[in-house]
Amino acid sequence: MELNAHTPNLGTLLSQKSVYRVPRFQRDYSWKVEEVAELWSDLENCIVLEEGELKCSEYFIGTLVLVGKEGSSTYDIVDGQQRLTTITIMLRAIQEAFVSLGEFGMANALYSNYIEGVDDEGKPFFKVRNVNHSPFFEVAIQHKVRGDDSMSPQNEAERNLLSAYKEALSKTNRSLVSALMGSKQAYTKELHLQCLKSIRDQLTKYLKVIFIRVPKEEEAYTIFETLNARGLGLASVDLIKNTVFKDLSETHPEDKARREWTAVQAKLQDANANVSLKEFMRHWWISRYTYVSEDNLYKEFKKAKKSGLLTSQILLSEITSDVETYVNIIDPQFEKHKQVEDKRIFRSLMALRAFNVTQPRAFLLSLFNSYKRKLITKKYLVETLEFLESFNFQFVAICQKRSSGIEGAYSSSARKLFSVKNKPAAKRIILDFIEQLKQKSPSESEFEIKFKGLKFSNDYTKDKKIIQYVFNKIELYENGRGELAPEDLTLEHIMSQSSGSDAKYVSIGNLLPLSKELNEQAGDKTFVDKVAIYRSSSYKITQKFCEDYKDVSEWDKDNIIAREEELSALCFNKYWKIA
């Protein structure tokens, strides 16, 4: 492999008639405001005030690896794209600051030297071009007639770009004078201009890089992998993307690989579940191939490719197909579940989401794919989901056991289910897995201890959602799995939470579901008066409470403890029964 290296400053590189392109296999722009601010602070620290003059000093910012022959009109950036993109953003902010001070000559010179050039045919071009973020980067950031509303960011990377520009722009205001000249220095336009010129010079004349150039495009992928595959750089998913784009290099008449990969990312970003591409990729992988950590995913991908088990085209096609299922698992939409059985699917998926458990997702992917392949019926799908809901309610939501230890079991069963070809085998795998989970379920005494610890007050809201979930689930069960869950369910303290300091006064045994209106009516009334109001409730739980305690004239701690025990037994043996 031919390598050429030297150490120019950034201004020398950007002043050439060349485009520095962030290629399709590179990761998205990921710098946050804090990282942009840190680089700007480093620039300021390189500038010292001596006898009224600002003097810059050299600052090394690392390597810049490019692919292209010497004198090329376009170079692809293999390493250093985050830094070069950020520096371009900073230069654009300084150019804007020159404009705001009326220094149009300086602004135009900076812009034409380092941001937008003109080729020998008189056609303008941007010196840094990001294929993955075009046209947003060009229109919303680089173009000198941009406006804040010229183009809205559509994803996290574009939001990062815009935030970086706004952060850099904020650093160019009057505060720059205080930062470089000292806080006691009075502001003048002349001093402001002097400071801006110093920051400009620091960026263009004193930032040093080790510039490495290789002539062949194929070598860019190899260098990218070498630089990042040793735990010092990118995540496994970025390295997989690099390999996929290397193998699927056709970009005419369209870059199909990039379009499909971007579509997968967009679907995950649109999901209201805060899930990353690397999380999806790992769950997808362990549902089909091997159980691995995210750090080792790329190594397993290479092994699978080498053995002939997998190709880049197959991987891209399958994640494109499965991402829809995955999004439905992590972010189920009510309007897609209108039939009675579909509503049960929706409620179980929403419950797993409420429990904040991610470990079952690999198994759920295989489970839903088995249903698509007609290996299991919808009825069996519903029953399996409801079992998983009950298990995770007991195991995670109430007993708060660590589910990381059983992720391997989820993955193993998912892979078995993915591989089967007939209905009896699919059903047997699911039944075996259910039995495996049952063996890990908590005992009734363990469940009771944790369940009785659930509490809610104005000062303690940690358990509020799970208590509301409990009452919602019981209500649905007692209504024959009704069409809709209660919408206005609030938590009523039977004995007012202001009655004393005993923790039982805010425990689940002292709570009832009520509509907001009835809750407000009950207020701090006596128990007898409250029961009269409770009788107006349409909730079956509340109606049953009124019937069970119709002969009780005073509600006390003993009643609360007895009701806790009753609720715990019903939840364990009836509503969320898994044995």
Protein backbone atom coordinates (compact mmCIF):
# COMPACT_ATOMS: atom_id res chain seq x y z
CA MET A 1 0.00 0.00 0.00
CA GLU A 2 1.45 3.37 -1.06
CA LEU A 3 1.35 6.05 1.67
CA ASN A 4 2.33 9.73 1.43
CA ALA A 5 2.57 11.79 4.60
CA HIS A 6 3.42 15.40 5.46
CA THR A 7 2.38 18.04 8.02
CA PRO A 8 0.73 21.10 6.47
CA ASN A 9 -1.60 23.51 8.25
CA LEU A 10 -5.34 23.40 7.64
CA GLY A 11 -5.33 26.63 5.68
CA THR A 12 -2.91 25.16 3.13
CA LEU A 13 -5.20 22.19 2.56
CA LEU A 14 -8.41 24.18 2.32
CA SER A 15 -6.93 26.87 0.08
CA GLN A 16 -6.29 24.34 -2.68
CA LYS A 17 -8.75 23.79 -5.51
CA SER A 18 -9.85 20.44 -4.10
CA VAL A 19 -13.00 18.98 -2.59
CA TYR A 20 -12.58 17.05 0.67
CA ARG A 21 -15.46 14.62 0.64
CA VAL A 22 -16.86 12.63 3.57
CA PRO A 23 -17.67 9.36 1.76
CA ARG A 24 -20.74 7.18 2.10
CA PHE A 25 -19.19 4.59 4.43
CA GLN A 26 -18.30 7.15 7.10
CA ARG A 27 -20.39 7.52 10.24
CA ASP A 28 -22.72 10.50 10.64
CA TYR A 29 -21.58 13.75 12.20
CA SER A 30 -21.73 13.10 15.93
CA TRP A 31 -20.00 15.97 17.73
CA LYS A 32 -22.08 17.52 20.49
CA VAL A 33 -22.03 21.13 21.67
CA GLU A 34 -19.63 20.23 24.49
CA GLU A 35 -17.02 18.89 22.04
CA VAL A 36 -17.34 21.94 19.80
CA ALA A 37 -16.95 24.22 22.82
CA GLU A 38 -13.88 22.25 23.96
CA LEU A 39 -12.14 22.66 20.59
CA TRP A 40 -12.96 26.38 20.57
CA SER A 41 -11.54 26.70 24.08
CA ASP A 42 -8.34 24.98 22.92
CA LEU A 43 -8.05 27.53 20.11
CA GLU A 44 -8.45 30.40 22.55
CA ASN A 45 -5.84 28.91 24.87
CA CYS A 46 -3.33 28.85 21.99
CA ILE A 47 -3.65 32.63 21.61
CA VAL A 48 -1.77 34.77 24.12
CA LEU A 49 -1.82 38.52 24.72
CA GLU A 50 1.65 40.08 24.64
CA GLU A 51 2.10 43.86 24.85
CA GLY A 52 -1.37 44.46 23.48
CA GLU A 53 -0.96 42.04 20.57
CA LEU A 54 -2.59 38.65 20.17
CA LYS A 55 -0.15 35.94 19.13
CA CYS A 56 -1.07 32.47 17.89
CA SER A 57 0.84 29.23 18.46
CA GLU A 58 0.92 25.86 16.72
CA TYR A 59 -1.62 23.27 17.78
CA PHE A 60 -1.59 19.65 16.59
CA ILE A 61 -5.06 18.16 16.01
CA GLY A 62 -4.15 14.64 14.83
CA THR A 63 -4.16 12.83 11.52
CA LEU A 64 -6.10 13.45 8.36
CA VAL A 65 -6.17 10.39 6.09
CA LEU A 66 -7.32 10.99 2.52
CA VAL A 67 -7.67 8.84 -0.57
CA GLY A 68 -6.80 10.27 -3.96
CA LYS A 69 -3.86 10.86 -6.23
CA GLU A 70 -1.64 13.89 -5.72
CA GLY A 71 -3.26 16.93 -7.30
CA SER A 72 -6.72 15.33 -7.37
CA SER A 73 -9.74 17.60 -7.57
CA THR A 74 -11.49 15.40 -4.97
CA TYR A 75 -10.17 13.56 -1.93
CA ASP A 76 -12.19 11.18 0.23
CA ILE A 77 -11.69 11.61 3.99
CA VAL A 78 -10.92 8.28 5.64
CA ASP A 79 -10.05 9.66 9.07
CA GLY A 80 -10.58 13.14 10.50
CA GLN A 81 -13.99 13.98 9.07
CA GLN A 82 -15.51 15.05 12.41
CA ARG A 83 -12.69 17.54 13.02
CA LEU A 84 -12.58 18.88 9.46
CA THR A 85 -16.35 19.32 9.40
CA THR A 86 -16.26 21.16 12.74
CA ILE A 87 -13.42 23.44 11.59
CA THR A 88 -15.42 24.31 8.46
CA ILE A 89 -18.39 25.16 10.68
CA MET A 90 -16.17 27.39 12.84
CA LEU A 91 -14.77 29.20 9.81
CA ARG A 92 -18.30 29.76 8.54
CA ALA A 93 -19.26 31.26 11.93
CA ILE A 94 -16.25 33.58 11.87
CA GLN A 95 -17.15 34.65 8.33
CA GLU A 96 -20.67 35.47 9.55
CA ALA A 97 -19.18 37.50 12.43
CA PHE A 98 -17.08 39.53 9.98
CA VAL A 99 -20.28 40.29 8.07
CA SER A 100 -22.04 41.43 11.26
CA LEU A 101 -19.19 43.89 11.89
CA GLY A 102 -19.46 45.25 8.34
CA GLU A 103 -16.11 43.73 7.28
CA PHE A 104 -17.34 42.37 3.98
CA GLY A 105 -13.91 42.16 2.35
CA MET A 106 -12.55 39.94 5.13
CA ALA A 107 -15.74 37.89 5.12
CA ASN A 108 -15.58 37.28 1.38
CA ALA A 109 -11.86 36.45 1.49
CA LEU A 110 -12.34 33.86 4.24
CA TYR A 111 -15.33 32.37 2.47
CA SER A 112 -13.67 32.07 -0.93
CA ASN A 113 -10.35 30.83 0.45
CA TYR A 114 -11.57 28.15 2.84
CA ILE A 115 -15.29 27.37 2.39
CA GLU A 116 -16.43 27.79 -1.21
CA GLY A 117 -13.97 27.69 -4.10
CA VAL A 118 -14.26 28.13 -7.85
CA ASP A 119 -12.89 25.61 -10.35
CA ASP A 120 -11.11 26.42 -13.61
CA GLU A 121 -14.44 26.52 -15.42
CA GLY A 122 -15.73 29.19 -13.07
CA LYS A 123 -18.12 26.81 -11.26
CA PRO A 124 -18.36 27.17 -7.46
CA PHE A 125 -17.88 24.18 -5.14
CA PHE A 126 -17.82 23.61 -1.38
CA LYS A 127 -14.38 22.53 -0.19
CA VAL A 128 -15.77 20.14 2.42
CA ARG A 129 -18.62 17.99 1.16
CA ASN A 130 -20.50 15.49 3.31
CA VAL A 131 -22.26 12.90 1.17
CA ASN A 132 -24.32 11.62 4.10
CA HIS A 133 -25.67 15.06 5.06
CA SER A 134 -26.25 16.60 1.66
CA PRO A 135 -27.94 18.98 0.99
CA PHE A 136 -28.47 20.08 4.62
CA PHE A 137 -24.79 20.78 5.34
CA GLU A 138 -24.42 22.84 2.17
CA VAL A 139 -27.67 24.80 2.36
CA ALA A 140 -28.16 25.29 6.11
CA ILE A 141 -24.52 25.70 7.17
CA GLN A 142 -22.03 26.41 4.41
CA HIS A 143 -23.98 28.68 2.07
CA LYS A 144 -23.30 32.30 2.97
CA VAL A 145 -26.86 33.46 2.43
CA ARG A 146 -28.26 30.82 4.75
CA GLY A 147 -30.92 31.62 7.29
CA ASP A 148 -31.95 29.71 10.39
CA ASP A 149 -35.17 28.68 8.64
CA SER A 150 -33.61 27.88 5.25
CA MET A 151 -33.71 24.11 5.90
CA SER A 152 -34.79 22.19 8.96
CA PRO A 153 -32.71 19.26 10.32
CA GLN A 154 -34.33 15.90 9.71
CA ASN A 155 -32.25 13.63 11.95
CA GLU A 156 -29.87 13.64 14.90
CA ALA A 157 -26.75 14.18 12.78
CA GLU A 158 -28.26 17.24 11.11
CA ARG A 159 -29.36 18.57 14.49
CA ASN A 160 -25.76 18.11 15.67
CA LEU A 161 -24.49 20.09 12.67
CA LEU A 162 -26.88 22.96 13.32
CA SER A 163 -26.11 22.98 17.06
CA ALA A 164 -22.38 23.05 16.29
CA TYR A 165 -22.84 26.07 14.02
CA LYS A 166 -24.93 27.93 16.60
CA GLU A 167 -22.38 27.15 19.32
CA ALA A 168 -19.49 28.41 17.17
CA LEU A 169 -21.47 31.51 16.22
CA SER A 170 -22.14 32.27 19.89
CA LYS A 171 -18.38 32.13 20.55
CA THR A 172 -17.72 34.89 17.99
CA ASN A 173 -19.80 37.57 19.73
CA ARG A 174 -18.55 40.24 22.15
CA SER A 175 -17.60 37.63 24.72
CA LEU A 176 -14.62 36.76 22.49
CA VAL A 177 -12.97 40.05 23.47
CA SER A 178 -13.17 39.19 27.17
CA ALA A 179 -11.92 35.64 26.52
CA LEU A 180 -8.80 36.79 24.63
CA MET A 181 -8.16 40.27 26.02
CA GLY A 182 -9.20 39.74 29.63
CA SER A 183 -12.47 40.48 31.40
CA LYS A 184 -11.44 44.01 32.36
CA GLN A 185 -10.90 45.12 28.77
CA ALA A 186 -13.65 47.43 27.51
CA TYR A 187 -15.33 46.33 24.32
CA THR A 188 -14.65 48.11 21.05
CA LYS A 189 -15.36 47.05 17.50
CA GLU A 190 -11.63 47.25 16.73
CA LEU A 191 -10.77 44.83 19.52
CA HIS A 192 -13.58 42.51 18.43
CA LEU A 193 -12.19 42.48 14.90
CA GLN A 194 -8.66 41.85 16.19
CA CYS A 195 -9.90 38.83 18.17
CA LEU A 196 -11.82 37.41 15.21
CA LYS A 197 -8.74 37.70 13.00
CA SER A 198 -6.67 35.89 15.62
CA ILE A 199 -9.15 32.99 15.82
CA ARG A 200 -9.23 32.88 12.01
CA ASP A 201 -5.44 32.75 11.84
CA GLN A 202 -5.25 30.13 14.58
CA LEU A 203 -7.57 27.91 12.55
CA THR A 204 -6.03 28.47 9.13
CA LYS A 205 -2.33 28.99 9.83
CA TYR A 206 -1.48 27.31 13.12
CA LEU A 207 -3.53 24.11 13.23
CA LYS A 208 -1.18 21.32 12.23
CA VAL A 209 -2.15 17.86 11.01
CA ILE A 210 -0.36 14.74 9.87
CA PHE A 211 -1.70 14.49 6.35
CA ILE A 212 -1.67 10.93 4.96
CA ARG A 213 -2.70 10.25 1.38
CA VAL A 214 -3.31 6.91 -0.37
CA PRO A 215 -4.02 6.76 -4.10
CA LYS A 216 -6.67 4.00 -4.39
CA GLU A 217 -10.29 4.06 -3.29
CA GLU A 218 -10.27 0.38 -2.30
CA GLU A 219 -7.52 1.11 0.21
CA ALA A 220 -9.71 3.67 1.98
CA TYR A 221 -11.99 0.95 3.33
CA THR A 222 -9.00 -1.06 4.58
CA ILE A 223 -7.44 1.95 6.31
CA PHE A 224 -10.79 2.90 7.82
CA GLU A 225 -11.12 -0.58 9.33
CA THR A 226 -7.51 -0.67 10.53
CA LEU A 227 -7.82 2.69 12.26
CA ASN A 228 -11.05 1.83 14.01
CA ALA A 229 -11.27 -1.93 14.57
CA ARG A 230 -9.05 -2.19 17.63
CA GLY A 231 -11.40 -0.77 20.24
CA LEU A 232 -10.01 2.74 19.84
CA GLY A 233 -12.42 4.16 17.29
CA LEU A 234 -15.82 3.40 15.91
CA ALA A 235 -18.56 1.08 17.06
CA SER A 236 -19.03 -2.31 15.41
CA VAL A 237 -22.05 -1.05 13.50
CA ASP A 238 -19.93 1.61 11.76
CA LEU A 239 -17.38 -0.99 10.73
CA ILE A 240 -20.16 -3.24 9.42
CA LYS A 241 -21.49 -0.28 7.44
CA ASN A 242 -17.99 0.27 6.02
CA THR A 243 -17.83 -3.34 4.83
CA VAL A 244 -21.35 -3.29 3.39
CA PHE A 245 -20.62 -0.13 1.40
CA LYS A 246 -17.29 -1.55 0.25
CA ASP A 247 -18.96 -4.73 -1.04
CA LEU A 248 -21.98 -2.91 -2.50
CA SER A 249 -20.04 -0.14 -4.22
CA GLU A 250 -22.37 0.47 -7.16
CA THR A 251 -23.71 4.04 -7.01
CA HIS A 252 -25.15 4.43 -10.53
CA PRO A 253 -27.93 4.95 -11.40
CA GLU A 254 -28.49 5.17 -7.61
CA ASP A 255 -26.65 4.34 -4.43
CA LYS A 256 -29.07 1.60 -3.38
CA ALA A 257 -26.98 0.43 -0.41
CA ARG A 258 -26.80 3.92 1.07
CA ARG A 259 -30.53 4.51 0.49
CA GLU A 260 -31.50 1.29 2.27
CA TRP A 261 -29.06 1.78 5.16
CA THR A 262 -30.28 5.37 5.64
CA ALA A 263 -33.90 4.17 5.57
CA VAL A 264 -33.18 1.71 8.40
CA GLN A 265 -31.61 4.50 10.46
CA ALA A 266 -34.53 6.84 9.76
CA LYS A 267 -37.13 4.29 10.88
CA LEU A 268 -35.31 3.77 14.17
CA GLN A 269 -34.92 7.51 14.72
CA ASP A 270 -38.60 8.09 14.02
CA ALA A 271 -39.59 5.53 16.65
CA ASN A 272 -40.54 7.11 19.95
CA ALA A 273 -38.29 4.79 21.95
CA ASN A 274 -34.81 6.30 21.97
CA VAL A 275 -33.19 3.27 20.34
CA SER A 276 -29.92 3.35 18.41
CA LEU A 277 -28.88 1.55 15.25
CA LYS A 278 -26.22 -0.40 17.15
CA GLU A 279 -28.83 -1.61 19.66
CA PHE A 280 -31.11 -2.80 16.86
CA MET A 281 -28.22 -4.44 15.00
CA ARG A 282 -27.15 -6.39 18.08
CA HIS A 283 -30.69 -7.59 18.88
CA TRP A 284 -31.16 -8.54 15.23
CA TRP A 285 -27.84 -10.41 15.17
CA ILE A 286 -28.36 -12.40 18.36
CA SER A 287 -31.85 -13.37 17.17
CA ARG A 288 -30.33 -15.11 14.13
CA TYR A 289 -26.65 -15.93 14.44
CA THR A 290 -24.58 -15.87 17.66
CA TYR A 291 -24.87 -14.37 21.12
CA VAL A 292 -22.26 -11.59 21.32
CA SER A 293 -21.63 -8.24 22.96
CA GLU A 294 -21.85 -5.09 20.84
CA ASP A 295 -18.05 -4.75 20.94
CA ASN A 296 -17.58 -8.17 19.30
CA LEU A 297 -20.38 -7.89 16.76
CA TYR A 298 -18.09 -6.83 13.93
CA LYS A 299 -15.74 -9.77 14.55
CA GLU A 300 -18.69 -12.18 14.36
CA PHE A 301 -19.89 -10.49 11.18
CA LYS A 302 -16.48 -11.02 9.56
CA LYS A 303 -16.49 -14.68 10.63
CA ALA A 304 -19.94 -15.19 9.14
CA LYS A 305 -18.85 -13.59 5.87
CA LYS A 306 -15.68 -15.65 5.68
CA SER A 307 -17.58 -18.89 6.27
CA GLY A 308 -20.12 -18.06 3.58
CA LEU A 309 -22.98 -17.92 6.09
CA LEU A 310 -23.70 -14.28 5.30
CA THR A 311 -23.03 -11.62 2.66
CA SER A 312 -23.30 -7.85 2.82
CA GLN A 313 -26.29 -7.98 0.47
CA ILE A 314 -28.11 -10.53 2.62
CA LEU A 315 -27.42 -8.53 5.79
CA LEU A 316 -28.71 -5.30 4.26
CA SER A 317 -31.82 -6.98 2.84
CA GLU A 318 -32.65 -8.70 6.13
CA ILE A 319 -32.20 -5.68 8.41
CA THR A 320 -34.28 -3.66 5.94
CA SER A 321 -37.02 -6.28 6.23
CA ASP A 322 -36.80 -6.72 10.02
CA VAL A 323 -36.56 -3.09 11.10
CA GLU A 324 -40.32 -2.63 10.63
CA THR A 325 -41.00 -5.53 13.00
CA TYR A 326 -38.47 -4.22 15.50
CA VAL A 327 -40.00 -0.73 15.50
CA ASN A 328 -43.45 -2.24 16.08
CA ILE A 329 -42.00 -4.10 19.09
CA ILE A 330 -40.33 -1.10 20.70
CA ASP A 331 -42.90 1.54 19.70
CA PRO A 332 -46.29 -0.12 19.08
CA GLN A 333 -48.96 2.13 17.59
CA PHE A 334 -52.55 1.73 18.78
CA GLU A 335 -54.04 2.49 15.35
CA LYS A 336 -52.27 -0.59 13.94
CA HIS A 337 -53.91 -2.87 16.52
CA LYS A 338 -57.66 -2.45 16.07
CA GLN A 339 -58.88 -6.05 16.28
CA VAL A 340 -59.52 -7.57 19.72
CA GLU A 341 -56.51 -9.90 19.60
CA ASP A 342 -54.36 -7.11 18.15
CA LYS A 343 -55.26 -4.92 21.13
CA ARG A 344 -53.95 -7.65 23.42
CA ILE A 345 -50.69 -7.63 21.43
CA PHE A 346 -50.50 -3.86 21.76
CA ARG A 347 -51.07 -3.94 25.53
CA SER A 348 -48.39 -6.59 26.11
CA LEU A 349 -45.84 -4.72 24.02
CA MET A 350 -46.66 -1.47 25.81
CA ALA A 351 -46.27 -3.24 29.16
CA LEU A 352 -42.80 -4.56 28.22
CA ARG A 353 -41.89 -1.06 27.16
CA ALA A 354 -43.17 0.34 30.48
CA PHE A 355 -41.04 -2.21 32.34
CA ASN A 356 -38.03 -0.85 30.42
CA VAL A 357 -36.81 -4.32 29.45
CA THR A 358 -34.75 -4.74 26.29
CA GLN A 359 -33.52 -8.31 26.74
CA PRO A 360 -36.64 -10.00 25.23
CA ARG A 361 -36.35 -8.08 21.95
CA ALA A 362 -34.25 -10.69 20.13
CA PHE A 363 -36.80 -13.38 20.99
CA LEU A 364 -39.68 -11.08 20.05
CA LEU A 365 -38.14 -10.52 16.61
CA SER A 366 -38.07 -14.26 15.98
CA LEU A 367 -41.53 -14.70 17.49
CA PHE A 368 -43.13 -12.13 15.17
CA ASN A 369 -41.20 -13.51 12.19
CA SER A 370 -42.53 -16.98 13.03
CA TYR A 371 -46.03 -15.55 12.93
CA LYS A 372 -45.30 -13.92 9.54
CA ARG A 373 -44.03 -17.27 8.28
CA LYS A 374 -47.30 -18.88 9.50
CA LEU A 375 -45.45 -21.18 11.90
CA ILE A 376 -47.61 -20.02 14.81
CA THR A 377 -51.17 -18.70 14.99
CA LYS A 378 -52.13 -15.23 16.18
CA LYS A 379 -53.74 -16.82 19.23
CA TYR A 380 -50.46 -18.49 20.15
CA LEU A 381 -48.58 -15.25 19.50
CA VAL A 382 -50.92 -13.40 21.88
CA GLU A 383 -50.61 -16.05 24.58
CA THR A 384 -46.81 -16.04 24.36
CA LEU A 385 -46.67 -12.24 24.58
CA GLU A 386 -48.97 -12.24 27.59
CA PHE A 387 -46.79 -14.82 29.29
CA LEU A 388 -43.71 -12.64 28.67
CA GLU A 389 -45.62 -9.67 30.04
CA SER A 390 -46.54 -11.60 33.21
CA PHE A 391 -43.03 -12.99 33.65
CA ASN A 392 -41.38 -9.60 33.29
CA PHE A 393 -43.99 -7.99 35.54
CA GLN A 394 -43.07 -10.40 38.33
CA PHE A 395 -39.37 -10.77 37.58
CA VAL A 396 -38.42 -7.19 36.59
CA ALA A 397 -41.15 -4.69 37.43
CA ILE A 398 -41.93 -5.97 40.93
CA CYS A 399 -38.98 -8.05 42.12
CA GLN A 400 -36.45 -5.91 40.23
CA LYS A 401 -34.24 -8.86 39.38
CA ARG A 402 -31.44 -8.32 36.90
CA SER A 403 -32.60 -9.68 33.55
CA SER A 404 -29.14 -9.46 31.97
CA GLY A 405 -28.47 -13.01 33.14
CA ILE A 406 -31.27 -14.42 31.00
CA GLU A 407 -30.58 -12.47 27.82
CA GLY A 408 -28.59 -15.43 26.57
CA ALA A 409 -31.64 -17.66 27.02
CA TYR A 410 -33.79 -15.21 25.05
CA SER A 411 -31.17 -15.17 22.29
CA SER A 412 -30.71 -18.96 22.20
CA SER A 413 -34.45 -19.58 21.86
CA ALA A 414 -34.71 -16.81 19.26
CA ARG A 415 -32.05 -18.47 17.10
CA LYS A 416 -33.70 -21.87 17.42
CA LEU A 417 -37.04 -20.36 16.43
CA PHE A 418 -35.45 -18.54 13.49
CA SER A 419 -34.06 -21.84 12.16
CA VAL A 420 -37.16 -24.06 12.33
CA LYS A 421 -39.21 -24.88 9.26
CA ASN A 422 -42.44 -26.41 10.61
CA LYS A 423 -45.21 -25.60 13.07
CA PRO A 424 -44.68 -28.41 15.63
CA ALA A 425 -40.99 -27.52 16.01
CA ALA A 426 -41.78 -23.81 16.44
CA LYS A 427 -44.38 -24.53 19.11
CA ARG A 428 -42.05 -26.93 20.94
CA ILE A 429 -39.26 -24.32 21.08
CA ILE A 430 -41.62 -21.69 22.50
CA LEU A 431 -43.03 -24.11 25.09
CA ASP A 432 -39.53 -25.16 26.15
CA PHE A 433 -38.51 -21.54 26.54
CA ILE A 434 -41.60 -20.72 28.59
CA GLU A 435 -40.77 -23.61 30.92
CA GLN A 436 -37.21 -22.32 31.16
CA LEU A 437 -38.44 -18.89 32.26
CA LYS A 438 -40.90 -20.39 34.72
CA GLN A 439 -37.97 -22.01 36.51
CA LYS A 440 -36.49 -18.55 37.03
CA SER A 441 -39.68 -16.86 38.23
CA PRO A 442 -39.80 -15.47 41.78
CA SER A 443 -41.56 -17.28 44.62
CA GLU A 444 -44.87 -15.94 45.90
CA SER A 445 -43.29 -14.85 49.20
CA GLU A 446 -40.54 -12.96 47.36
CA PHE A 447 -43.14 -11.32 45.13
CA GLU A 448 -45.31 -10.34 48.11
CA ILE A 449 -42.46 -8.62 49.94
CA LYS A 450 -41.61 -6.48 46.91
CA PHE A 451 -45.24 -5.86 45.93
CA LYS A 452 -46.11 -4.56 49.39
CA GLY A 453 -43.26 -2.09 49.04
CA LEU A 454 -44.97 -0.24 46.16
CA LYS A 455 -45.96 3.25 47.25
CA PHE A 456 -47.06 6.62 45.93
CA SER A 457 -47.32 10.10 47.42
CA ASN A 458 -46.87 13.68 46.34
CA ASP A 459 -43.25 13.36 47.46
CA TYR A 460 -42.60 9.88 46.04
CA THR A 461 -43.66 9.18 42.47
CA LYS A 462 -41.16 6.50 41.40
CA ASP A 463 -43.75 3.69 41.57
CA LYS A 464 -46.67 5.70 40.24
CA LYS A 465 -46.65 4.31 36.69
CA ILE A 466 -46.33 0.70 37.76
CA ILE A 467 -49.19 1.10 40.27
CA GLN A 468 -51.37 2.68 37.57
CA TYR A 469 -50.40 -0.21 35.28
CA VAL A 470 -51.47 -2.71 37.99
CA PHE A 471 -54.90 -1.11 38.40
CA ASN A 472 -55.33 -0.73 34.63
CA LYS A 473 -54.52 -4.39 34.05
CA ILE A 474 -56.89 -5.59 36.78
CA GLU A 475 -59.64 -3.35 35.43
CA LEU A 476 -59.21 -4.73 31.92
CA TYR A 477 -59.20 -8.29 33.25
CA GLU A 478 -62.38 -7.80 35.29
CA ASN A 479 -64.08 -6.21 32.29
CA GLY A 480 -63.40 -9.28 30.20
CA ARG A 481 -60.28 -7.77 28.59
CA GLY A 482 -62.32 -4.72 27.55
CA GLU A 483 -61.77 -2.68 24.47
CA LEU A 484 -59.96 0.22 26.09
CA ALA A 485 -57.88 0.91 29.16
CA PRO A 486 -59.15 3.64 31.50
CA GLU A 487 -57.92 7.04 30.29
CA ASP A 488 -58.35 9.24 33.37
CA LEU A 489 -57.21 6.87 36.12
CA THR A 490 -55.76 8.73 39.11
CA LEU A 491 -54.53 7.31 42.42
CA GLU A 492 -56.68 8.01 45.46
CA HIS A 493 -55.30 7.64 49.01
CA ILE A 494 -58.08 6.00 51.02
CA MET A 495 -56.54 7.25 54.25
CA SER A 496 -55.23 10.71 53.45
CA GLN A 497 -51.46 10.75 52.94
CA SER A 498 -51.37 13.65 55.41
CA SER A 499 -52.81 11.46 58.18
CA GLY A 500 -49.43 10.48 59.56
CA SER A 501 -45.86 9.50 58.87
CA ASP A 502 -46.42 5.72 58.62
CA ALA A 503 -45.28 4.41 55.23
CA LYS A 504 -48.43 2.25 54.96
CA TYR A 505 -50.49 5.39 54.37
CA VAL A 506 -48.89 5.76 50.93
CA SER A 507 -48.53 2.05 50.04
CA ILE A 508 -50.51 0.26 47.33
CA GLY A 509 -52.85 -1.20 49.97
CA ASN A 510 -54.08 2.34 50.68
CA LEU A 511 -54.62 3.25 47.03
CA LEU A 512 -57.63 3.06 44.74
CA PRO A 513 -58.16 4.03 41.10
CA LEU A 514 -60.54 6.97 40.66
CA SER A 515 -61.37 9.46 37.98
CA LYS A 516 -59.83 12.87 38.52
CA GLU A 517 -63.23 14.39 39.29
CA LEU A 518 -64.11 11.85 42.02
CA ASN A 519 -60.59 12.05 43.43
CA GLU A 520 -61.01 15.79 43.92
CA GLN A 521 -64.43 15.27 45.53
CA ALA A 522 -63.05 12.74 48.01
CA GLY A 523 -60.30 15.08 49.17
CA ASP A 524 -59.62 14.67 52.92
CA LYS A 525 -63.12 13.50 53.84
CA THR A 526 -63.78 10.77 56.41
CA PHE A 527 -63.68 7.14 55.31
CA VAL A 528 -67.47 6.77 55.39
CA ASP A 529 -67.94 9.91 53.29
CA LYS A 530 -65.27 8.76 50.85
CA VAL A 531 -66.93 5.38 50.35
CA ALA A 532 -70.16 7.17 49.44
CA ILE A 533 -68.21 8.97 46.70
CA TYR A 534 -66.38 5.80 45.62
CA ARG A 535 -69.74 4.14 44.90
CA SER A 536 -70.13 6.55 41.95
CA SER A 537 -66.99 5.18 40.30
CA SER A 538 -67.31 3.05 37.19
CA TYR A 539 -64.12 1.14 38.03
CA LYS A 540 -64.83 -2.45 39.04
CA ILE A 541 -61.86 -2.45 41.44
CA THR A 542 -63.36 0.49 43.29
CA GLN A 543 -66.87 -0.97 43.25
CA LYS A 544 -65.52 -4.24 44.67
CA PHE A 545 -63.69 -2.30 47.39
CA CYS A 546 -66.95 -0.61 48.42
CA GLU A 547 -68.68 -3.98 48.59
CA ASP A 548 -65.87 -5.70 50.50
CA TYR A 549 -65.63 -2.94 53.10
CA LYS A 550 -69.29 -1.91 53.32
CA ASP A 551 -69.41 -2.78 57.03
CA VAL A 552 -66.16 -0.98 57.90
CA SER A 553 -66.63 2.41 59.56
CA GLU A 554 -62.98 3.31 59.99
CA TRP A 555 -60.03 2.63 57.71
CA ASP A 556 -56.76 1.89 59.55
CA LYS A 557 -53.29 0.40 59.17
CA ASP A 558 -54.51 -3.18 59.73
CA ASN A 559 -56.98 -2.81 56.87
CA ILE A 560 -54.19 -1.50 54.62
CA ILE A 561 -51.91 -4.45 55.39
CA ALA A 562 -54.73 -6.94 54.81
CA ARG A 563 -55.58 -5.35 51.47
CA GLU A 564 -51.90 -5.38 50.41
CA GLU A 565 -51.77 -9.10 51.05
CA GLU A 566 -55.02 -9.68 49.18
CA LEU A 567 -53.88 -7.65 46.16
CA SER A 568 -50.49 -9.36 46.12
CA ALA A 569 -52.06 -12.83 46.13
CA LEU A 570 -54.50 -11.92 43.35
CA CYS A 571 -51.75 -10.40 41.20
CA PHE A 572 -49.44 -13.40 41.62
CA ASN A 573 -52.02 -16.17 41.28
CA LYS A 574 -54.62 -14.66 38.96
CA TYR A 575 -53.87 -11.52 36.99
CA TRP A 576 -50.18 -12.26 36.24
CA LYS A 577 -50.13 -16.00 36.87
CA ILE A 578 -47.20 -17.74 35.20
CA ALA A 579 -46.85 -21.06 37.04
